[in-house]
Amino acid sequence: MRNTLRTVIGFLGTLITRYTPLDLSRATLSGIFNYLPINDSITTSGQPTEAQFRLVQGAGFRRVINLAPHGGENALPDEAATLGELGIEYTYIPVDFQAPTEDDFQRFCHAMAESGSEPVWVHCAANMRVSAFVYRYRRDVLHEDTEAAARDLHQIWEPFGVWKGFVAPRA
């Protein structure tokens, strides 16, 4: 629960950076809100700023998957164009936070498969959607150790409501 509260408070900080002259972000990959590298191929986070996407590019990422709907509180005005200018391939899968679907998850799995062995940066507004999707991907597709995947998920939040069902094992 503590990490969920930290994520919510941190998300409010991203809004301060977006809508005021104050910049609470840091100019490092680890300074990106809720930055969490999973392995050599998958890194996750909340919404990076345009400047932080330049850091993502500089770190060798050539593909970004965004699970947050455009127009969200801390979304970039035109993320696709920003990433296009950086030579980064962009996959957009808008996931309704109130109603994630199996179709969303299948689209995500397809996008991950398309990335092959290339490193991919996966983000949403706060890394809550993403951490749940990546947890399921690691458990159900990569067949990784469930406890290890759950530890990473719980570094970001403890899923509740519809998300608790979304991450539950399938029969």
N, C-alpha and C. Protein backbone atom coordinates (compact mmCIF):
# COMPACT_ATOMS: atom_id res chain seq x y z
N MET A 1 0.82 -1.20 0.00
CA MET A 1 0.00 0.00 0.00
C MET A 1 0.87 1.27 0.00
N ARG A 2 2.00 1.20 0.71
CA ARG A 2 2.90 2.36 0.79
C ARG A 2 3.40 2.76 -0.59
N ASN A 3 3.74 1.78 -1.43
CA ASN A 3 4.23 2.11 -2.77
C ASN A 3 3.12 2.69 -3.64
N THR A 4 1.89 2.25 -3.43
CA THR A 4 0.76 2.83 -4.16
C THR A 4 0.61 4.31 -3.80
N LEU A 5 0.71 4.63 -2.54
CA LEU A 5 0.62 6.02 -2.09
C LEU A 5 1.77 6.85 -2.66
N ARG A 6 2.99 6.29 -2.65
CA ARG A 6 4.15 6.98 -3.22
C ARG A 6 3.93 7.26 -4.70
N THR A 7 3.34 6.30 -5.40
CA THR A 7 3.07 6.48 -6.83
C THR A 7 2.06 7.59 -7.05
N VAL A 8 1.01 7.62 -6.27
CA VAL A 8 -0.01 8.66 -6.41
C VAL A 8 0.58 10.04 -6.13
N ILE A 9 1.37 10.16 -5.07
CA ILE A 9 1.99 11.45 -4.75
C ILE A 9 2.99 11.84 -5.84
N GLY A 10 3.76 10.88 -6.32
CA GLY A 10 4.71 11.16 -7.40
C GLY A 10 4.01 11.62 -8.67
N PHE A 11 2.86 11.02 -8.96
CA PHE A 11 2.09 11.42 -10.14
C PHE A 11 1.68 12.88 -10.02
N LEU A 12 1.30 13.31 -8.82
CA LEU A 12 0.95 14.71 -8.62
C LEU A 12 2.15 15.61 -8.91
N GLY A 13 3.35 15.13 -8.58
CA GLY A 13 4.56 15.88 -8.91
C GLY A 13 4.75 16.05 -10.41
N THR A 14 4.38 15.02 -11.20
CA THR A 14 4.50 15.15 -12.66
C THR A 14 3.54 16.21 -13.18
N LEU A 15 2.41 16.35 -12.52
CA LEU A 15 1.45 17.39 -12.94
C LEU A 15 1.99 18.78 -12.64
N ILE A 16 2.68 18.92 -11.50
CA ILE A 16 3.29 20.21 -11.17
C ILE A 16 4.31 20.57 -12.25
N THR A 17 5.13 19.60 -12.66
CA THR A 17 6.13 19.84 -13.70
C THR A 17 5.46 20.21 -15.02
N ARG A 18 4.36 19.56 -15.33
CA ARG A 18 3.68 19.78 -16.62
C ARG A 18 2.97 21.13 -16.68
N TYR A 19 2.36 21.55 -15.57
CA TYR A 19 1.47 22.72 -15.62
C TYR A 19 1.97 23.96 -14.90
N THR A 20 3.20 23.92 -14.40
CA THR A 20 3.75 25.11 -13.75
C THR A 20 5.18 25.32 -14.26
N PRO A 21 5.78 26.45 -13.93
CA PRO A 21 7.18 26.66 -14.32
C PRO A 21 8.16 25.79 -13.54
N LEU A 22 7.70 25.15 -12.49
CA LEU A 22 8.58 24.30 -11.68
C LEU A 22 8.84 22.98 -12.41
N ASP A 23 10.10 22.56 -12.45
CA ASP A 23 10.45 21.29 -13.06
C ASP A 23 10.99 20.38 -11.97
N LEU A 24 10.17 19.41 -11.56
CA LEU A 24 10.56 18.49 -10.50
C LEU A 24 11.24 17.24 -11.05
N SER A 25 11.35 17.15 -12.38
CA SER A 25 11.98 15.98 -12.98
C SER A 25 13.49 16.09 -12.89
N ARG A 26 14.17 14.96 -13.07
CA ARG A 26 15.62 14.95 -13.07
C ARG A 26 16.11 14.51 -14.44
N ALA A 27 17.27 14.99 -14.84
CA ALA A 27 17.80 14.73 -16.17
C ALA A 27 18.64 13.45 -16.19
N THR A 28 18.07 12.37 -15.70
CA THR A 28 18.69 11.05 -15.75
C THR A 28 17.58 10.04 -16.02
N LEU A 29 17.96 8.87 -16.53
CA LEU A 29 16.94 7.84 -16.73
C LEU A 29 16.27 7.50 -15.41
N SER A 30 17.07 7.35 -14.36
CA SER A 30 16.48 7.01 -13.06
C SER A 30 15.63 8.14 -12.49
N GLY A 31 15.74 9.33 -13.06
CA GLY A 31 14.91 10.45 -12.64
C GLY A 31 13.54 10.47 -13.28
N ILE A 32 13.31 9.58 -14.23
CA ILE A 32 11.99 9.49 -14.86
C ILE A 32 11.04 8.87 -13.84
N PHE A 33 9.87 9.45 -13.72
CA PHE A 33 8.90 9.03 -12.70
C PHE A 33 8.65 7.53 -12.75
N ASN A 34 8.80 6.88 -11.62
CA ASN A 34 8.60 5.44 -11.43
C ASN A 34 9.40 4.59 -12.41
N TYR A 35 10.62 5.04 -12.70
CA TYR A 35 11.55 4.28 -13.54
C TYR A 35 11.81 2.93 -12.91
N LEU A 36 11.64 1.86 -13.70
CA LEU A 36 11.92 0.52 -13.21
C LEU A 36 12.43 -0.36 -14.35
N PRO A 37 13.74 -0.57 -14.41
CA PRO A 37 14.26 -1.50 -15.41
C PRO A 37 13.93 -2.92 -14.96
N ILE A 38 13.39 -3.72 -15.89
CA ILE A 38 13.02 -5.09 -15.58
C ILE A 38 14.16 -6.04 -15.92
N ASN A 39 14.72 -5.87 -17.10
CA ASN A 39 15.85 -6.68 -17.56
C ASN A 39 16.53 -5.90 -18.68
N ASP A 40 17.43 -6.54 -19.41
CA ASP A 40 18.14 -5.84 -20.49
C ASP A 40 17.23 -5.43 -21.64
N SER A 41 16.06 -6.05 -21.74
CA SER A 41 15.15 -5.78 -22.87
C SER A 41 13.95 -4.92 -22.52
N ILE A 42 13.58 -4.84 -21.25
CA ILE A 42 12.36 -4.13 -20.85
C ILE A 42 12.66 -3.13 -19.74
N THR A 43 12.31 -1.88 -20.00
CA THR A 43 12.36 -0.85 -18.97
C THR A 43 11.00 -0.18 -18.93
N THR A 44 10.54 0.13 -17.73
CA THR A 44 9.21 0.72 -17.55
C THR A 44 9.30 2.03 -16.78
N SER A 45 8.25 2.85 -16.94
CA SER A 45 8.20 4.11 -16.20
C SER A 45 6.82 4.73 -16.32
N GLY A 46 6.66 5.82 -15.57
CA GLY A 46 5.55 6.72 -15.81
C GLY A 46 5.90 7.58 -17.02
N GLN A 47 5.12 8.62 -17.26
CA GLN A 47 5.29 9.47 -18.45
C GLN A 47 6.61 10.24 -18.43
N PRO A 48 7.51 9.98 -19.39
CA PRO A 48 8.71 10.80 -19.51
C PRO A 48 8.38 12.17 -20.13
N THR A 49 9.20 13.16 -19.83
CA THR A 49 9.09 14.46 -20.48
C THR A 49 9.79 14.37 -21.84
N GLU A 50 9.65 15.41 -22.66
CA GLU A 50 10.35 15.43 -23.94
C GLU A 50 11.87 15.34 -23.73
N ALA A 51 12.38 16.06 -22.76
CA ALA A 51 13.83 16.01 -22.48
C ALA A 51 14.24 14.62 -22.03
N GLN A 52 13.42 13.98 -21.24
CA GLN A 52 13.75 12.63 -20.78
C GLN A 52 13.70 11.62 -21.92
N PHE A 53 12.84 11.84 -22.92
CA PHE A 53 12.83 10.95 -24.07
C PHE A 53 14.16 11.04 -24.84
N ARG A 54 14.81 12.19 -24.81
CA ARG A 54 16.13 12.28 -25.43
C ARG A 54 17.13 11.40 -24.68
N LEU A 55 16.97 11.30 -23.37
CA LEU A 55 17.82 10.39 -22.57
C LEU A 55 17.51 8.93 -22.92
N VAL A 56 16.24 8.63 -23.11
CA VAL A 56 15.82 7.28 -23.49
C VAL A 56 16.49 6.90 -24.82
N GLN A 57 16.45 7.83 -25.77
CA GLN A 57 17.10 7.60 -27.07
C GLN A 57 18.60 7.40 -26.89
N GLY A 58 19.22 8.25 -26.11
CA GLY A 58 20.65 8.16 -25.87
C GLY A 58 21.07 6.86 -25.19
N ALA A 59 20.15 6.24 -24.47
CA ALA A 59 20.43 4.97 -23.81
C ALA A 59 20.26 3.78 -24.76
N GLY A 60 19.88 4.06 -26.01
CA GLY A 60 19.80 3.00 -27.01
C GLY A 60 18.42 2.44 -27.27
N PHE A 61 17.41 3.03 -26.69
CA PHE A 61 16.04 2.54 -26.94
C PHE A 61 15.55 3.08 -28.28
N ARG A 62 15.01 2.18 -29.10
CA ARG A 62 14.49 2.55 -30.42
C ARG A 62 13.00 2.24 -30.54
N ARG A 63 12.40 1.78 -29.43
CA ARG A 63 10.97 1.47 -29.44
C ARG A 63 10.37 1.88 -28.09
N VAL A 64 9.23 2.57 -28.16
CA VAL A 64 8.48 2.95 -26.97
C VAL A 64 7.06 2.46 -27.14
N ILE A 65 6.53 1.85 -26.09
CA ILE A 65 5.12 1.46 -26.05
C ILE A 65 4.46 2.30 -24.98
N ASN A 66 3.38 2.98 -25.34
CA ASN A 66 2.64 3.85 -24.42
C ASN A 66 1.26 3.24 -24.18
N LEU A 67 0.94 2.97 -22.91
CA LEU A 67 -0.38 2.43 -22.56
C LEU A 67 -1.33 3.49 -22.01
N ALA A 68 -0.89 4.74 -21.94
CA ALA A 68 -1.76 5.81 -21.41
C ALA A 68 -2.51 6.49 -22.56
N PRO A 69 -3.80 6.74 -22.36
CA PRO A 69 -4.54 7.46 -23.40
C PRO A 69 -3.98 8.86 -23.62
N HIS A 70 -3.95 9.30 -24.88
CA HIS A 70 -3.55 10.68 -25.19
C HIS A 70 -4.51 11.62 -24.48
N GLY A 71 -4.04 12.76 -24.14
CA GLY A 71 -4.89 13.74 -23.48
C GLY A 71 -4.95 13.57 -21.98
N GLY A 72 -4.21 12.61 -21.43
CA GLY A 72 -4.16 12.45 -19.98
C GLY A 72 -3.50 13.65 -19.33
N GLU A 73 -3.64 13.73 -18.04
CA GLU A 73 -3.16 14.90 -17.29
C GLU A 73 -1.69 15.22 -17.54
N ASN A 74 -0.83 14.20 -17.62
CA ASN A 74 0.60 14.49 -17.79
C ASN A 74 1.13 14.03 -19.15
N ALA A 75 0.23 13.76 -20.09
CA ALA A 75 0.64 13.32 -21.43
C ALA A 75 1.30 14.45 -22.21
N LEU A 76 2.19 14.06 -23.11
CA LEU A 76 2.81 15.05 -24.00
C LEU A 76 1.80 15.45 -25.07
N PRO A 77 1.90 16.67 -25.59
CA PRO A 77 0.94 17.12 -26.62
C PRO A 77 0.93 16.23 -27.87
N ASP A 78 2.11 15.75 -28.31
CA ASP A 78 2.19 14.89 -29.49
C ASP A 78 3.39 13.96 -29.32
N GLU A 79 3.19 12.94 -28.51
CA GLU A 79 4.29 12.01 -28.21
C GLU A 79 4.79 11.31 -29.47
N ALA A 80 3.89 10.93 -30.36
CA ALA A 80 4.30 10.24 -31.59
C ALA A 80 5.28 11.11 -32.39
N ALA A 81 4.99 12.39 -32.53
CA ALA A 81 5.87 13.29 -33.28
C ALA A 81 7.20 13.47 -32.55
N THR A 82 7.15 13.63 -31.24
CA THR A 82 8.38 13.78 -30.45
C THR A 82 9.29 12.58 -30.67
N LEU A 83 8.72 11.38 -30.56
CA LEU A 83 9.53 10.17 -30.72
C LEU A 83 9.97 9.97 -32.17
N GLY A 84 9.10 10.35 -33.12
CA GLY A 84 9.48 10.26 -34.53
C GLY A 84 10.70 11.10 -34.83
N GLU A 85 10.76 12.30 -34.26
CA GLU A 85 11.92 13.17 -34.46
C GLU A 85 13.19 12.57 -33.88
N LEU A 86 13.03 11.72 -32.87
CA LEU A 86 14.18 11.07 -32.24
C LEU A 86 14.53 9.73 -32.90
N GLY A 87 13.75 9.33 -33.89
CA GLY A 87 14.00 8.05 -34.55
C GLY A 87 13.57 6.86 -33.72
N ILE A 88 12.61 7.06 -32.83
CA ILE A 88 12.12 5.99 -31.97
C ILE A 88 10.76 5.54 -32.49
N GLU A 89 10.61 4.23 -32.67
CA GLU A 89 9.34 3.66 -33.10
C GLU A 89 8.35 3.74 -31.94
N TYR A 90 7.11 4.10 -32.27
CA TYR A 90 6.10 4.37 -31.24
C TYR A 90 4.90 3.46 -31.43
N THR A 91 4.54 2.75 -30.36
CA THR A 91 3.33 1.93 -30.36
C THR A 91 2.40 2.48 -29.29
N TYR A 92 1.19 2.76 -29.70
CA TYR A 92 0.20 3.38 -28.81
C TYR A 92 -0.95 2.41 -28.57
N ILE A 93 -1.12 2.02 -27.33
CA ILE A 93 -2.21 1.13 -26.93
C ILE A 93 -2.93 1.82 -25.77
N PRO A 94 -3.93 2.64 -26.06
CA PRO A 94 -4.60 3.38 -24.98
C PRO A 94 -5.44 2.44 -24.10
N VAL A 95 -5.04 2.31 -22.85
CA VAL A 95 -5.73 1.44 -21.90
C VAL A 95 -6.52 2.30 -20.94
N ASP A 96 -7.82 2.09 -20.90
CA ASP A 96 -8.69 2.78 -19.96
C ASP A 96 -8.36 2.27 -18.56
N PHE A 97 -7.92 3.15 -17.66
CA PHE A 97 -7.53 2.72 -16.33
C PHE A 97 -8.68 2.05 -15.59
N GLN A 98 -9.90 2.46 -15.90
CA GLN A 98 -11.07 1.88 -15.23
C GLN A 98 -11.52 0.56 -15.85
N ALA A 99 -10.97 0.20 -17.03
CA ALA A 99 -11.46 -0.99 -17.71
C ALA A 99 -10.42 -1.60 -18.66
N PRO A 100 -9.30 -2.12 -18.11
CA PRO A 100 -8.34 -2.79 -18.98
C PRO A 100 -8.96 -4.06 -19.55
N THR A 101 -8.63 -4.39 -20.79
CA THR A 101 -9.27 -5.55 -21.42
C THR A 101 -8.24 -6.60 -21.84
N GLU A 102 -8.73 -7.78 -22.11
CA GLU A 102 -7.87 -8.84 -22.63
C GLU A 102 -7.37 -8.46 -24.02
N ASP A 103 -8.19 -7.76 -24.80
CA ASP A 103 -7.74 -7.29 -26.11
C ASP A 103 -6.56 -6.33 -25.95
N ASP A 104 -6.62 -5.44 -24.96
CA ASP A 104 -5.48 -4.55 -24.68
C ASP A 104 -4.24 -5.38 -24.40
N PHE A 105 -4.39 -6.41 -23.57
CA PHE A 105 -3.24 -7.24 -23.21
C PHE A 105 -2.69 -7.98 -24.43
N GLN A 106 -3.56 -8.48 -25.28
CA GLN A 106 -3.11 -9.19 -26.48
C GLN A 106 -2.37 -8.23 -27.44
N ARG A 107 -2.88 -7.01 -27.56
CA ARG A 107 -2.19 -6.01 -28.38
C ARG A 107 -0.81 -5.70 -27.80
N PHE A 108 -0.73 -5.62 -26.48
CA PHE A 108 0.54 -5.40 -25.81
C PHE A 108 1.50 -6.55 -26.08
N CYS A 109 1.02 -7.78 -25.96
CA CYS A 109 1.87 -8.95 -26.22
C CYS A 109 2.38 -8.94 -27.65
N HIS A 110 1.53 -8.56 -28.58
CA HIS A 110 1.92 -8.47 -29.99
C HIS A 110 3.03 -7.41 -30.16
N ALA A 111 2.85 -6.26 -29.53
CA ALA A 111 3.86 -5.19 -29.63
C ALA A 111 5.18 -5.64 -29.01
N MET A 112 5.11 -6.36 -27.91
CA MET A 112 6.34 -6.86 -27.28
C MET A 112 7.02 -7.86 -28.20
N ALA A 113 6.26 -8.74 -28.83
CA ALA A 113 6.83 -9.73 -29.74
C ALA A 113 7.49 -9.04 -30.93
N GLU A 114 6.87 -7.96 -31.42
CA GLU A 114 7.45 -7.21 -32.54
C GLU A 114 8.80 -6.60 -32.19
N SER A 115 9.02 -6.30 -30.92
CA SER A 115 10.29 -5.69 -30.52
C SER A 115 11.43 -6.71 -30.54
N GLY A 116 11.10 -8.00 -30.55
CA GLY A 116 12.15 -9.02 -30.58
C GLY A 116 13.09 -8.87 -29.42
N SER A 117 14.37 -8.89 -29.71
CA SER A 117 15.37 -8.77 -28.64
C SER A 117 15.82 -7.32 -28.43
N GLU A 118 15.26 -6.40 -29.22
CA GLU A 118 15.60 -4.98 -29.05
C GLU A 118 15.03 -4.46 -27.73
N PRO A 119 15.77 -3.61 -27.05
CA PRO A 119 15.24 -3.05 -25.80
C PRO A 119 14.01 -2.18 -26.08
N VAL A 120 13.03 -2.28 -25.21
CA VAL A 120 11.78 -1.52 -25.36
C VAL A 120 11.50 -0.78 -24.05
N TRP A 121 11.06 0.46 -24.21
CA TRP A 121 10.66 1.30 -23.07
C TRP A 121 9.14 1.30 -23.06
N VAL A 122 8.55 0.89 -21.94
CA VAL A 122 7.10 0.82 -21.83
C VAL A 122 6.67 1.79 -20.73
N HIS A 123 5.74 2.68 -21.08
CA HIS A 123 5.30 3.65 -20.08
C HIS A 123 3.79 3.88 -20.16
N CYS A 124 3.28 4.48 -19.11
CA CYS A 124 1.92 5.01 -19.07
C CYS A 124 2.03 6.28 -18.24
N ALA A 125 0.96 6.72 -17.64
CA ALA A 125 1.01 7.96 -16.88
C ALA A 125 1.84 7.82 -15.61
N ALA A 126 1.66 6.70 -14.89
CA ALA A 126 2.32 6.54 -13.59
C ALA A 126 3.02 5.20 -13.41
N ASN A 127 3.06 4.37 -14.43
CA ASN A 127 3.63 3.02 -14.40
C ASN A 127 2.73 2.05 -13.65
N MET A 128 1.48 2.39 -13.47
CA MET A 128 0.56 1.46 -12.83
C MET A 128 -0.01 0.49 -13.88
N ARG A 129 -0.55 1.01 -14.98
CA ARG A 129 -1.02 0.14 -16.06
C ARG A 129 0.12 -0.76 -16.52
N VAL A 130 1.26 -0.12 -16.80
CA VAL A 130 2.41 -0.84 -17.36
C VAL A 130 2.88 -1.94 -16.42
N SER A 131 3.03 -1.64 -15.14
CA SER A 131 3.55 -2.67 -14.23
C SER A 131 2.63 -3.88 -14.18
N ALA A 132 1.32 -3.66 -14.28
CA ALA A 132 0.37 -4.78 -14.31
C ALA A 132 0.50 -5.57 -15.61
N PHE A 133 0.59 -4.87 -16.73
CA PHE A 133 0.75 -5.54 -18.03
C PHE A 133 2.06 -6.32 -18.09
N VAL A 134 3.14 -5.71 -17.64
CA VAL A 134 4.45 -6.37 -17.69
C VAL A 134 4.48 -7.56 -16.73
N TYR A 135 3.84 -7.44 -15.59
CA TYR A 135 3.75 -8.58 -14.66
C TYR A 135 3.08 -9.76 -15.36
N ARG A 136 1.93 -9.52 -15.96
CA ARG A 136 1.23 -10.61 -16.66
C ARG A 136 2.04 -11.14 -17.83
N TYR A 137 2.69 -10.27 -18.57
CA TYR A 137 3.51 -10.69 -19.70
C TYR A 137 4.64 -11.60 -19.22
N ARG A 138 5.30 -11.21 -18.16
CA ARG A 138 6.39 -12.01 -17.63
C ARG A 138 5.88 -13.35 -17.11
N ARG A 139 4.74 -13.34 -16.44
CA ARG A 139 4.18 -14.57 -15.88
C ARG A 139 3.61 -15.48 -16.96
N ASP A 140 2.77 -14.94 -17.85
CA ASP A 140 2.00 -15.75 -18.79
C ASP A 140 2.68 -16.01 -20.12
N VAL A 141 3.54 -15.11 -20.56
CA VAL A 141 4.18 -15.26 -21.87
C VAL A 141 5.63 -15.71 -21.72
N LEU A 142 6.38 -15.03 -20.87
CA LEU A 142 7.79 -15.38 -20.69
C LEU A 142 7.98 -16.53 -19.69
N HIS A 143 6.94 -16.83 -18.91
CA HIS A 143 6.97 -17.90 -17.91
C HIS A 143 8.10 -17.72 -16.90
N GLU A 144 8.27 -16.47 -16.49
CA GLU A 144 9.27 -16.16 -15.48
C GLU A 144 8.72 -16.49 -14.10
N ASP A 145 9.60 -16.47 -13.13
CA ASP A 145 9.22 -16.71 -11.75
C ASP A 145 8.18 -15.68 -11.31
N THR A 146 7.03 -16.16 -10.88
CA THR A 146 5.91 -15.27 -10.52
C THR A 146 6.28 -14.37 -9.34
N GLU A 147 7.00 -14.90 -8.37
CA GLU A 147 7.36 -14.10 -7.20
C GLU A 147 8.28 -12.94 -7.58
N ALA A 148 9.23 -13.19 -8.46
CA ALA A 148 10.13 -12.12 -8.91
C ALA A 148 9.35 -11.05 -9.67
N ALA A 149 8.46 -11.48 -10.55
CA ALA A 149 7.64 -10.52 -11.31
C ALA A 149 6.74 -9.73 -10.36
N ALA A 150 6.20 -10.39 -9.35
CA ALA A 150 5.32 -9.70 -8.39
C ALA A 150 6.10 -8.68 -7.57
N ARG A 151 7.35 -8.98 -7.22
CA ARG A 151 8.16 -8.00 -6.48
C ARG A 151 8.31 -6.71 -7.28
N ASP A 152 8.54 -6.84 -8.59
CA ASP A 152 8.66 -5.64 -9.42
C ASP A 152 7.33 -4.90 -9.49
N LEU A 153 6.25 -5.63 -9.68
CA LEU A 153 4.91 -5.01 -9.70
C LEU A 153 4.67 -4.23 -8.42
N HIS A 154 4.99 -4.84 -7.29
CA HIS A 154 4.69 -4.21 -6.00
C HIS A 154 5.66 -3.09 -5.64
N GLN A 155 6.76 -2.94 -6.39
CA GLN A 155 7.59 -1.75 -6.20
C GLN A 155 6.83 -0.50 -6.63
N ILE A 156 5.89 -0.67 -7.55
CA ILE A 156 5.12 0.46 -8.07
C ILE A 156 3.81 0.61 -7.30
N TRP A 157 3.07 -0.48 -7.16
CA TRP A 157 1.76 -0.40 -6.48
C TRP A 157 1.23 -1.79 -6.17
N GLU A 158 0.19 -1.80 -5.38
CA GLU A 158 -0.57 -3.00 -5.06
C GLU A 158 -1.89 -2.87 -5.81
N PRO A 159 -2.06 -3.61 -6.92
CA PRO A 159 -3.29 -3.46 -7.70
C PRO A 159 -4.55 -3.68 -6.87
N PHE A 160 -5.55 -2.86 -7.16
CA PHE A 160 -6.84 -2.94 -6.47
C PHE A 160 -7.94 -2.83 -7.52
N GLY A 161 -9.17 -3.07 -7.09
CA GLY A 161 -10.32 -2.94 -7.99
C GLY A 161 -10.18 -3.83 -9.21
N VAL A 162 -10.51 -3.29 -10.38
CA VAL A 162 -10.46 -4.03 -11.63
C VAL A 162 -9.06 -4.57 -11.91
N TRP A 163 -8.03 -3.89 -11.44
CA TRP A 163 -6.65 -4.31 -11.68
C TRP A 163 -6.29 -5.57 -10.91
N LYS A 164 -6.88 -5.75 -9.76
CA LYS A 164 -6.64 -6.98 -9.01
C LYS A 164 -7.10 -8.19 -9.81
N GLY A 165 -8.26 -8.06 -10.46
CA GLY A 165 -8.74 -9.12 -11.33
C GLY A 165 -7.89 -9.25 -12.59
N PHE A 166 -7.41 -8.14 -13.12
CA PHE A 166 -6.61 -8.17 -14.33
C PHE A 166 -5.32 -8.96 -14.15
N VAL A 167 -4.70 -8.83 -12.99
CA VAL A 167 -3.42 -9.53 -12.77
C VAL A 167 -3.60 -10.93 -12.17
N ALA A 168 -4.84 -11.29 -11.82
CA ALA A 168 -5.08 -12.61 -11.24
C ALA A 168 -4.77 -13.70 -12.27
N PRO A 169 -4.26 -14.83 -11.82
CA PRO A 169 -3.99 -15.94 -12.76
C PRO A 169 -5.27 -16.36 -13.49
N ARG A 170 -5.11 -16.74 -14.75
CA ARG A 170 -6.23 -17.18 -15.56
C ARG A 170 -6.40 -18.68 -15.41
N ALA A 171 -7.64 -19.13 -15.47
CA ALA A 171 -7.92 -20.57 -15.34
C ALA A 171 -7.60 -21.30 -16.63
